[in-house]
């Protein structure tokens, strides 16, 4: 699912109006009906209070107020005075005057009649905002943020800029839920905006789908329909068909990381797997993952014998592991998955600029800053990442909520799957095993990253159905890779 800019969103509206031969006010009605449907499915409250601005976002709110009134709900509209209302805003105001909805323009009464059962809806500013809130709108949003009730923003919280990964200019409406029209906004992908966006929902308001086919975007919000490149397994396939993976992982006290990565690698379809560990870890590995072969650091190894290599989980940072990373890079020129301690060693060895083309680096935000310098924002990190991958033709998987896959050529994919239960040591080791497996099976680095990240998060979502955010373990992800895989292949028809 493409993430469009503010201008592209306007163009999409215009395109839909032209193609469907409708008026802009009709499109506003479609948006209001989509919001109504979602609200009725999620709330039993009988009290709705809507703050409406002067533009089309305010018009959406006025239309929604009328639709709620038609359903016999208690509705009050707080209308912020202006000397420049949009035409569709005025049109919906005239329709609203024919209802029982109370219209309030005296904002001194803003706190009146709110209860914990009231739903407060923000329809002040939409995607077109490009400057900080000031004056009365700022005062109203600040007051609204002090009210304790459920809060909904229509399309985007007022005070956020849809094109900007930076947090709100000064402040923004703090929504519990944001009802985003047709596609998410780039601002939703930024961690510091979570306090304003809350949980966002993508509502289909009937915008013409052909616009998305013909309109490019550098940003994508990964959905299951984007996973349309799954390789079908042929009847006469054998273990050699699906590649031989090598995982270089584990050290004293950290053999669990190697185990998690190895199990995830096999669960993700690698035909063969060899784990390359310290001598003392061999027995642990063989007992824990009998399906895997093993080699120890004391043995000779020919890296070129393997279709894919992942390195880093629990590796440790010692002179011997630094030498191991250097040897790998000197003797293996295919894509490598670098994770955890291997990323740190790349930095210590001053070897970041020497990684093989197509390699996948999987830092969490702090690791990223250690590698590329401290960043002031996620936008800054993504820009640094884009510059690096363009120069070295590699891929960065910047982990976290809405994990960002940063690709050469400027494409960035934000992940839609996953949940906070994954914030536990070992989750990244699972991902490393999965990415290594997909490379072994012949997926391109870009497709391996997309598939690995999406499936990793989906496995966590499935696991959460049977446990809790607190108690879920990385091993639960591994246990649900098969269910996630089945869900994806069923959807895409493989």
Protein backbone atom coordinates (compact mmCIF):
# COMPACT_ATOMS: atom_id res chain seq x y z
CA UNK A 1 0.00 0.00 0.00
CA UNK A 2 1.57 3.25 -1.15
CA UNK A 3 1.94 6.17 1.24
CA UNK A 4 1.20 9.37 -0.65
CA UNK A 5 2.25 12.96 -0.08
CA UNK A 6 -0.14 15.76 0.77
CA UNK A 7 -0.23 16.89 -2.87
CA UNK A 8 -0.75 13.35 -4.14
CA UNK A 9 -3.68 12.90 -1.75
CA UNK A 10 -5.29 16.04 -3.18
CA UNK A 11 -4.66 14.73 -6.69
CA UNK A 12 -6.27 11.40 -5.73
CA UNK A 13 -9.42 13.23 -4.62
CA UNK A 14 -9.53 15.18 -7.89
CA UNK A 15 -8.90 12.04 -9.94
CA UNK A 16 -11.76 10.23 -8.19
CA UNK A 17 -14.12 13.16 -8.73
CA UNK A 18 -13.28 13.17 -12.45
CA UNK A 19 -13.41 9.41 -12.96
CA UNK A 20 -16.58 8.80 -10.96
CA UNK A 21 -18.35 11.98 -12.12
CA UNK A 22 -19.14 13.13 -8.62
CA UNK A 23 -18.80 16.38 -6.69
CA UNK A 24 -16.25 17.04 -3.97
CA UNK A 25 -19.09 17.31 -1.46
CA UNK A 26 -20.14 13.78 -2.47
CA UNK A 27 -16.65 12.56 -1.66
CA UNK A 28 -16.95 14.24 1.73
CA UNK A 29 -20.19 12.34 2.31
CA UNK A 30 -18.45 9.06 1.44
CA UNK A 31 -15.73 9.84 3.97
CA UNK A 32 -18.25 10.72 6.67
CA UNK A 33 -20.16 7.49 6.04
CA UNK A 34 -16.96 5.46 6.35
CA UNK A 35 -16.24 7.15 9.70
CA UNK A 36 -19.81 6.50 10.85
CA UNK A 37 -19.56 2.82 9.99
CA UNK A 38 -16.33 2.43 11.95
CA UNK A 39 -17.69 4.35 14.94
CA UNK A 40 -20.89 2.31 15.11
CA UNK A 41 -18.86 -0.90 15.00
CA UNK A 42 -16.62 0.17 17.89
CA UNK A 43 -18.71 2.29 20.28
CA UNK A 44 -21.91 2.02 22.27
CA UNK A 45 -21.61 5.58 23.56
CA UNK A 46 -24.57 7.85 22.95
CA UNK A 47 -22.62 11.11 23.33
CA UNK A 48 -20.48 12.61 20.58
CA UNK A 49 -18.79 15.99 20.58
CA UNK A 50 -17.11 17.16 17.37
CA UNK A 51 -14.66 20.05 16.99
CA UNK A 52 -14.86 21.40 13.44
CA UNK A 53 -12.45 23.72 11.67
CA UNK A 54 -13.03 25.93 8.64
CA UNK A 55 -11.75 23.62 5.90
CA UNK A 56 -12.71 20.31 4.36
CA UNK A 57 -11.67 18.36 7.45
CA UNK A 58 -14.20 20.45 9.35
CA UNK A 59 -16.70 19.66 6.60
CA UNK A 60 -16.10 15.95 7.21
CA UNK A 61 -16.90 16.55 10.87
CA UNK A 62 -20.09 18.46 10.08
CA UNK A 63 -21.26 15.68 7.75
CA UNK A 64 -20.48 13.06 10.41
CA UNK A 65 -22.45 15.07 13.00
CA UNK A 66 -25.50 14.98 10.73
CA UNK A 67 -25.18 11.24 10.16
CA UNK A 68 -24.86 10.58 13.89
CA UNK A 69 -27.91 12.75 14.56
CA UNK A 70 -29.85 10.75 11.99
CA UNK A 71 -29.06 7.71 14.14
CA UNK A 72 -30.53 9.53 17.17
CA UNK A 73 -27.24 10.03 18.99
CA UNK A 74 -26.58 13.04 21.19
CA UNK A 75 -24.30 15.28 19.14
CA UNK A 76 -22.78 18.69 19.79
CA UNK A 77 -20.57 20.54 17.35
CA UNK A 78 -17.94 23.05 18.47
CA UNK A 79 -17.30 25.20 15.41
CA UNK A 80 -14.16 27.32 15.37
CA UNK A 81 -14.98 30.72 13.86
CA UNK A 82 -13.19 31.77 10.69
CA UNK A 83 -13.54 34.26 7.87
CA UNK A 84 -12.69 31.70 5.18
CA UNK A 85 -14.75 28.52 5.27
CA UNK A 86 -14.40 26.06 2.38
CA UNK A 87 -17.37 25.70 0.02
CA UNK A 88 -18.05 22.10 1.08
CA UNK A 89 -17.77 23.08 4.73
CA UNK A 90 -20.49 25.69 4.19
CA UNK A 91 -22.62 23.20 2.25
CA UNK A 92 -22.52 20.71 5.12
CA UNK A 93 -23.22 23.44 7.66
CA UNK A 94 -26.45 24.32 5.84
CA UNK A 95 -27.50 20.66 5.91
CA UNK A 96 -26.64 20.43 9.60
CA UNK A 97 -28.86 23.39 10.42
CA UNK A 98 -31.84 21.23 9.46
CA UNK A 99 -31.08 18.76 12.25
CA UNK A 100 -31.26 18.79 16.05
CA UNK A 101 -27.50 19.08 16.45
CA UNK A 102 -26.48 21.81 18.87
CA UNK A 103 -23.94 24.18 17.33
CA UNK A 104 -21.59 25.92 19.75
CA UNK A 105 -19.22 28.71 18.79
CA UNK A 106 -18.55 30.01 22.31
CA UNK A 107 -15.47 28.04 23.22
CA UNK A 108 -15.68 29.16 26.86
CA UNK A 109 -18.18 26.32 27.29
CA UNK A 110 -15.86 23.75 25.76
CA UNK A 111 -15.54 21.62 28.91
CA UNK A 112 -19.26 21.54 29.60
CA UNK A 113 -21.13 18.22 29.60
CA UNK A 114 -18.16 15.94 29.04
CA UNK A 115 -18.24 12.54 30.75
CA UNK A 116 -16.04 9.45 30.55
CA UNK A 117 -18.58 8.07 28.08
CA UNK A 118 -18.30 11.01 25.72
CA UNK A 119 -16.49 10.47 22.43
CA UNK A 120 -14.63 13.60 21.32
CA UNK A 121 -13.95 13.87 17.59
CA UNK A 122 -11.24 16.10 16.08
CA UNK A 123 -12.10 17.57 12.67
CA UNK A 124 -10.14 20.82 12.88
CA UNK A 125 -7.27 20.45 10.38
CA UNK A 126 -6.62 17.70 7.85
CA UNK A 127 -3.62 16.74 5.74
CA UNK A 128 -3.09 20.24 4.38
CA UNK A 129 -1.63 21.72 7.57
CA UNK A 130 1.94 22.92 7.01
CA UNK A 131 2.55 25.27 9.93
CA UNK A 132 2.20 25.19 13.71
CA UNK A 133 -1.16 25.60 15.41
CA UNK A 134 -1.77 29.14 16.63
CA UNK A 135 -4.53 31.23 18.12
CA UNK A 136 -7.91 29.74 18.94
CA UNK A 137 -7.27 26.34 17.28
CA UNK A 138 -4.15 25.91 19.42
CA UNK A 139 -6.07 26.84 22.58
CA UNK A 140 -8.88 24.43 21.74
CA UNK A 141 -6.53 21.52 21.00
CA UNK A 142 -4.66 22.16 24.24
CA UNK A 143 -7.95 22.12 26.17
CA UNK A 144 -9.11 19.00 24.34
CA UNK A 145 -5.95 17.17 25.33
CA UNK A 146 -6.82 17.73 29.00
CA UNK A 147 -10.20 16.03 28.70
CA UNK A 148 -10.40 12.40 29.85
CA UNK A 149 -12.51 10.56 27.30
CA UNK A 150 -12.13 8.54 24.12
CA UNK A 151 -10.82 10.71 21.28
CA UNK A 152 -10.93 10.22 17.52
CA UNK A 153 -9.15 12.22 14.82
CA UNK A 154 -10.58 12.30 11.32
CA UNK A 155 -7.90 11.53 8.71
CA UNK A 156 -4.99 12.96 10.75
CA UNK A 157 -4.66 14.52 14.23
CA UNK A 158 -4.88 18.30 13.98
CA UNK A 159 -1.39 19.70 14.42
CA UNK A 160 0.44 17.00 12.46
CA UNK A 161 1.76 17.45 8.95
CA UNK A 162 1.08 14.38 6.80
CA UNK A 163 4.34 14.73 4.85
CA UNK A 164 6.58 15.17 7.84
CA UNK A 165 8.26 12.41 9.84
CA UNK A 166 9.04 14.96 12.53
CA UNK A 167 6.73 15.20 15.56
CA UNK A 168 4.06 17.86 15.81
CA UNK A 169 5.16 21.42 15.16
CA UNK A 170 4.27 22.45 18.71
CA UNK A 171 1.40 20.30 19.82
CA UNK A 172 -1.35 18.25 18.21
CA UNK A 173 -4.62 16.60 19.13
CA UNK A 174 -3.93 13.45 21.15
CA UNK A 175 -6.22 10.85 19.61
CA UNK A 176 -7.01 7.40 20.89
CA UNK A 177 -7.82 6.41 17.32
CA UNK A 178 -7.10 8.09 14.00
CA UNK A 179 -9.36 7.25 11.06
CA UNK A 180 -7.11 7.68 8.03
CA UNK A 181 -8.74 7.90 4.62
CA UNK A 182 -7.69 5.27 2.09
CA UNK A 183 -4.00 5.11 3.14
CA UNK A 184 -1.83 5.89 6.15
CA UNK A 185 0.13 9.11 6.39
CA UNK A 186 3.92 9.22 6.50
CA UNK A 187 3.71 10.96 9.89
CA UNK A 188 2.10 7.84 11.38
CA UNK A 189 5.33 5.90 10.91
CA UNK A 190 7.28 8.10 13.31
CA UNK A 191 7.59 6.85 16.93
CA UNK A 192 7.22 10.26 18.58
CA UNK A 193 3.88 10.81 16.84
CA UNK A 194 2.33 7.79 18.55
CA UNK A 195 1.22 10.07 21.41
CA UNK A 196 -0.96 11.96 18.91
CA UNK A 197 -2.01 9.28 16.43
CA UNK A 198 -2.86 6.49 18.88
CA UNK A 199 -4.05 3.45 16.92
CA UNK A 200 -4.74 4.32 13.31
CA UNK A 201 -7.34 2.69 11.11
CA UNK A 202 -7.32 2.84 7.31
CA UNK A 203 -10.83 3.47 5.97
CA UNK A 204 -11.81 2.82 2.37
CA UNK A 205 -13.80 5.88 1.35
CA UNK A 206 -14.15 4.88 -2.29
CA UNK A 207 -11.22 6.74 -3.86
CA UNK A 208 -10.53 5.40 -7.35
CA UNK A 209 -7.99 2.54 -7.06
CA UNK A 210 -6.46 3.08 -10.51
CA UNK A 211 -4.78 6.23 -9.19
CA UNK A 212 -2.47 4.13 -7.02
CA UNK A 213 -1.35 2.02 -9.99
CA UNK A 214 -0.19 5.00 -12.02
CA UNK A 215 1.21 7.17 -9.22
CA UNK A 216 4.69 6.43 -7.88
CA UNK A 217 5.64 6.77 -4.23
CA UNK A 218 8.92 6.25 -2.40
CA UNK A 219 7.08 4.99 0.67
CA UNK A 220 4.99 1.87 1.14
CA UNK A 221 3.02 0.48 4.08
CA UNK A 222 3.37 -3.29 3.73
CA UNK A 223 0.12 -5.23 3.48
CA UNK A 224 -0.44 -8.88 2.68
CA UNK A 225 -1.29 -8.05 -0.93
CA UNK A 226 2.22 -6.64 -1.31
CA UNK A 227 3.65 -10.12 -0.66
CA UNK A 228 2.99 -11.21 -4.24
CA UNK A 229 6.33 -12.82 -5.03
CA UNK A 230 6.14 -16.12 -3.10
CA UNK A 231 8.03 -18.98 -4.76
CA UNK A 232 5.97 -22.11 -5.36
CA UNK A 233 7.55 -25.40 -4.28
CA UNK A 234 7.61 -27.99 -7.03
CA UNK A 235 6.70 -31.63 -6.45
CA UNK A 236 10.21 -32.91 -7.25
CA UNK A 237 12.02 -30.39 -5.07
CA UNK A 238 14.60 -31.66 -2.58
CA UNK A 239 16.57 -30.19 0.31
CA UNK A 240 19.24 -28.88 -2.02
CA UNK A 241 16.62 -26.94 -3.95
CA UNK A 242 16.05 -24.60 -1.03
CA UNK A 243 19.59 -23.68 -0.21
CA UNK A 244 22.19 -24.29 2.45
CA UNK A 245 22.30 -21.59 5.13
CA UNK A 246 25.16 -20.86 7.48
CA UNK A 247 24.50 -19.12 10.78
CA UNK A 248 27.52 -17.76 12.62
CA UNK A 249 26.22 -17.23 16.12
CA UNK A 250 26.57 -17.96 19.81
CA UNK A 251 29.14 -17.43 22.53
CA UNK A 252 29.52 -18.17 26.24
CA UNK A 253 26.19 -17.38 27.90
CA UNK A 254 24.54 -16.54 24.56
CA UNK A 255 23.98 -19.88 22.87
CA UNK A 256 20.25 -19.23 23.16
CA UNK A 257 20.57 -16.59 20.43
CA UNK A 258 22.10 -19.18 18.10
CA UNK A 259 19.31 -21.65 18.91
CA UNK A 260 16.57 -19.12 18.20
CA UNK A 261 18.15 -18.07 14.90
CA UNK A 262 18.69 -21.69 13.84
CA UNK A 263 15.13 -22.77 14.59
CA UNK A 264 13.71 -19.73 12.79
CA UNK A 265 15.92 -20.40 9.78
CA UNK A 266 14.65 -23.95 9.41
CA UNK A 267 11.04 -22.96 10.11
CA UNK A 268 11.36 -20.42 7.30
CA UNK A 269 12.23 -23.04 4.73
CA UNK A 270 16.01 -23.32 4.38
CA UNK A 271 16.74 -26.74 2.89
CA UNK A 272 19.91 -27.20 4.93
CA UNK A 273 21.40 -25.34 7.85
CA UNK A 274 24.83 -25.37 9.41
CA UNK A 275 25.43 -23.49 12.64
CA UNK A 276 28.98 -22.27 13.14
CA UNK A 277 29.59 -21.93 16.88
CA UNK A 278 32.29 -22.16 19.54
CA UNK A 279 33.25 -25.73 20.44
CA UNK A 280 31.44 -25.65 23.78
CA UNK A 281 28.19 -24.72 22.04
CA UNK A 282 28.11 -27.68 19.65
CA UNK A 283 26.38 -30.10 22.02
CA UNK A 284 23.83 -27.46 23.04
CA UNK A 285 23.07 -26.79 19.39
CA UNK A 286 22.79 -30.46 18.40
CA UNK A 287 20.45 -31.27 21.28
CA UNK A 288 18.29 -28.16 20.82
CA UNK A 289 18.07 -28.20 17.01
CA UNK A 290 18.65 -31.76 15.79
CA UNK A 291 17.69 -30.74 12.25
CA UNK A 292 20.74 -28.46 12.02
CA UNK A 293 24.30 -29.47 11.22
CA UNK A 294 27.14 -27.87 13.13
CA UNK A 295 30.71 -26.75 12.72
CA UNK A 296 32.91 -25.28 15.39
CA UNK A 297 35.40 -22.42 15.27
CA UNK A 298 38.19 -24.95 15.63
CA UNK A 299 37.32 -26.48 12.24
CA UNK A 300 38.23 -25.26 8.77
CA UNK A 301 35.29 -23.71 6.96
CA UNK A 302 34.79 -22.76 3.33
CA UNK A 303 32.26 -19.93 3.33
CA UNK A 304 31.70 -20.26 -0.40
CA UNK A 305 29.95 -23.62 0.18
CA UNK A 306 26.86 -21.82 1.47
CA UNK A 307 24.00 -20.14 -0.36
CA UNK A 308 23.43 -17.60 2.39
CA UNK A 309 25.12 -16.53 5.60
CA UNK A 310 23.74 -14.77 8.65
CA UNK A 311 26.10 -13.54 11.35
CA UNK A 312 25.72 -11.85 14.71
CA UNK A 313 23.18 -13.36 17.12
CA UNK A 314 24.96 -13.83 20.46
CA UNK A 315 28.32 -13.70 18.66
CA UNK A 316 30.17 -11.70 21.28
CA UNK A 317 32.79 -9.02 20.64
CA UNK A 318 36.29 -10.45 21.06
CA UNK A 319 39.51 -10.43 19.03
CA UNK A 320 38.58 -13.84 17.61
CA UNK A 321 35.08 -12.76 16.50
CA UNK A 322 36.51 -9.58 14.97
CA UNK A 323 38.88 -11.78 12.97
CA UNK A 324 35.98 -14.06 12.05
CA UNK A 325 33.97 -11.18 10.59
CA UNK A 326 37.03 -9.98 8.67
CA UNK A 327 37.65 -13.47 7.29
CA UNK A 328 34.03 -13.83 6.23
CA UNK A 329 34.07 -10.56 4.33
CA UNK A 330 37.37 -11.40 2.65
CA UNK A 331 36.13 -14.79 1.44
CA UNK A 332 32.40 -14.44 0.79
CA UNK A 333 31.06 -12.00 -1.77
CA UNK A 334 27.37 -12.79 -1.79
CA UNK A 335 24.78 -10.97 0.38
CA UNK A 336 25.27 -11.44 4.13
CA UNK A 337 22.75 -10.80 6.92
CA UNK A 338 24.55 -8.73 9.58
CA UNK A 339 22.90 -8.49 13.00
CA UNK A 340 23.65 -7.60 16.61
CA UNK A 341 27.34 -8.02 17.55
CA UNK A 342 28.32 -8.38 13.89
CA UNK A 343 27.09 -4.83 13.29
CA UNK A 344 29.19 -3.56 16.17
CA UNK A 345 32.23 -5.42 14.85
CA UNK A 346 31.73 -3.95 11.37
CA UNK A 347 31.95 -0.57 13.02
CA UNK A 348 34.96 -1.46 15.15
CA UNK A 349 36.75 -2.97 12.13
CA UNK A 350 35.95 0.12 10.04
CA UNK A 351 34.46 -2.32 7.57
CA UNK A 352 31.01 -0.87 6.93
CA UNK A 353 32.11 0.35 3.51
CA UNK A 354 33.31 -3.12 2.51
CA UNK A 355 30.12 -5.17 2.95
CA UNK A 356 29.07 -7.26 -0.06
CA UNK A 357 26.41 -5.87 -2.38
CA UNK A 358 22.91 -6.98 -1.46
CA UNK A 359 23.75 -7.49 2.21
CA UNK A 360 21.04 -6.87 4.81
CA UNK A 361 21.89 -4.93 7.98
CA UNK A 362 19.38 -5.24 10.82
CA UNK A 363 20.09 -2.57 13.45
CA UNK A 364 17.74 -1.40 16.16
CA UNK A 365 17.70 2.42 16.53
CA UNK A 366 20.59 2.60 19.03
CA UNK A 367 22.75 0.30 16.91
CA UNK A 368 21.93 2.46 13.91
CA UNK A 369 23.11 5.58 15.73
CA UNK A 370 26.32 3.84 16.76
CA UNK A 371 26.97 2.95 13.13
CA UNK A 372 25.99 6.21 11.44
CA UNK A 373 26.09 8.85 14.17
CA UNK A 374 23.38 10.13 16.47
CA UNK A 375 20.19 11.15 14.67
CA UNK A 376 17.70 13.74 15.83
CA UNK A 377 14.68 11.90 14.43
CA UNK A 378 13.52 8.82 12.56
CA UNK A 379 13.43 10.99 9.44
CA UNK A 380 17.12 11.72 9.98
CA UNK A 381 17.87 8.02 10.39
CA UNK A 382 16.00 7.13 7.22
CA UNK A 383 17.81 9.82 5.24
CA UNK A 384 21.20 8.58 6.49
CA UNK A 385 20.14 5.02 5.69
CA UNK A 386 19.09 5.95 2.15
CA UNK A 387 22.44 7.63 1.50
CA UNK A 388 24.33 4.57 2.76
CA UNK A 389 22.35 1.92 0.85
CA UNK A 390 22.51 3.95 -2.37
CA UNK A 391 26.27 4.11 -2.07
CA UNK A 392 26.81 0.45 -1.14
CA UNK A 393 23.79 -1.19 -2.84
CA UNK A 394 22.73 -2.94 0.36
CA UNK A 395 19.60 -2.94 2.54
CA UNK A 396 18.91 -1.72 6.05
CA UNK A 397 16.15 -3.16 8.21
CA UNK A 398 15.68 -0.47 10.87
CA UNK A 399 13.85 -2.40 13.58
CA UNK A 400 11.05 -1.14 15.80
CA UNK A 401 7.32 -0.46 15.51
CA UNK A 402 6.65 -0.17 11.76
CA UNK A 403 10.12 -1.53 10.99
CA UNK A 404 11.56 0.39 8.03
CA UNK A 405 13.18 -1.51 5.15
CA UNK A 406 15.47 1.00 3.44
CA UNK A 407 16.37 0.08 -0.13
CA UNK A 408 18.75 1.38 -2.80
CA UNK A 409 16.99 3.74 -5.18
CA UNK A 410 15.05 5.52 -2.45
CA UNK A 411 12.28 3.02 -1.67
CA UNK A 412 11.28 2.63 1.97
CA UNK A 413 8.83 -0.03 3.19
CA UNK A 414 7.18 0.35 6.58
CA UNK A 415 5.87 -2.84 8.15
CA UNK A 416 2.24 -3.22 9.18
CA UNK A 417 2.58 -6.38 11.28
CA UNK A 418 3.91 -6.93 14.79
CA UNK A 419 3.13 -5.72 18.29
CA UNK A 420 4.83 -4.50 21.50
CA UNK A 421 5.22 -8.06 22.81
CA UNK A 422 8.18 -8.37 20.43
CA UNK A 423 10.16 -5.94 22.60
CA UNK A 424 12.11 -8.75 24.22
CA UNK A 425 15.64 -10.04 23.77
CA UNK A 426 15.76 -12.76 21.13
CA UNK A 427 13.15 -11.39 18.71
CA UNK A 428 15.91 -10.00 16.47
CA UNK A 429 17.71 -13.37 16.48
CA UNK A 430 14.54 -14.94 15.10
CA UNK A 431 14.43 -12.35 12.31
CA UNK A 432 18.07 -13.00 11.40
CA UNK A 433 17.36 -16.70 10.97
CA UNK A 434 14.36 -15.95 8.79
CA UNK A 435 16.18 -13.49 6.54
CA UNK A 436 19.05 -15.96 6.09
CA UNK A 437 16.59 -18.68 5.10
CA UNK A 438 14.89 -16.57 2.46
CA UNK A 439 18.20 -15.59 0.88
CA UNK A 440 19.16 -19.28 0.75
CA UNK A 441 15.94 -20.05 -1.13
CA UNK A 442 16.84 -17.62 -3.88
CA UNK A 443 14.79 -14.57 -2.94
CA UNK A 444 16.34 -11.24 -3.82
CA UNK A 445 17.65 -9.22 -0.90
CA UNK A 446 14.72 -6.82 -1.18
CA UNK A 447 12.14 -9.59 -1.26
CA UNK A 448 13.89 -11.50 1.53
CA UNK A 449 13.79 -8.39 3.73
CA UNK A 450 10.12 -7.69 2.96
CA UNK A 451 9.05 -11.29 3.47
CA UNK A 452 11.14 -11.77 6.60
CA UNK A 453 9.99 -8.60 8.33
CA UNK A 454 6.31 -9.06 7.43
CA UNK A 455 6.20 -12.75 8.36
CA UNK A 456 8.13 -12.11 11.59
CA UNK A 457 5.53 -9.56 12.70
CA UNK A 458 2.61 -11.71 11.57
CA UNK A 459 3.90 -14.65 13.60
CA UNK A 460 3.96 -12.33 16.62
CA UNK A 461 0.40 -11.18 15.95
CA UNK A 462 -0.79 -14.79 15.73
CA UNK A 463 1.08 -15.69 18.91
CA UNK A 464 -0.53 -12.78 20.73
CA UNK A 465 -3.95 -14.33 20.18
CA UNK A 466 -2.91 -17.12 22.54
CA UNK A 467 -0.89 -15.20 25.12
CA UNK A 468 -0.26 -11.60 26.24
CA UNK A 469 2.07 -8.74 25.40
CA UNK A 470 3.88 -9.30 28.69
CA UNK A 471 4.33 -13.06 28.54
CA UNK A 472 4.99 -13.69 24.84
CA UNK A 473 8.48 -15.10 24.16
CA UNK A 474 10.61 -15.06 20.98
CA UNK A 475 10.19 -18.83 20.87
CA UNK A 476 6.45 -18.19 20.45
CA UNK A 477 7.28 -16.35 17.22
CA UNK A 478 9.09 -19.42 15.92
CA UNK A 479 6.19 -21.65 16.88
CA UNK A 480 3.85 -19.51 14.77
CA UNK A 481 5.97 -18.98 11.65
CA UNK A 482 4.18 -21.93 10.03
CA UNK A 483 0.73 -20.45 10.73
CA UNK A 484 1.82 -17.07 9.41
CA UNK A 485 3.30 -18.68 6.30
CA UNK A 486 0.09 -20.62 5.67
CA UNK A 487 -1.94 -17.42 6.05
CA UNK A 488 0.21 -15.58 3.50
CA UNK A 489 0.36 -18.38 0.95
CA UNK A 490 -3.40 -18.90 1.17
CA UNK A 491 -3.96 -15.20 0.53
CA UNK A 492 -1.67 -15.05 -2.52
CA UNK A 493 -2.76 -18.43 -3.84
CA UNK A 494 0.53 -20.34 -3.67
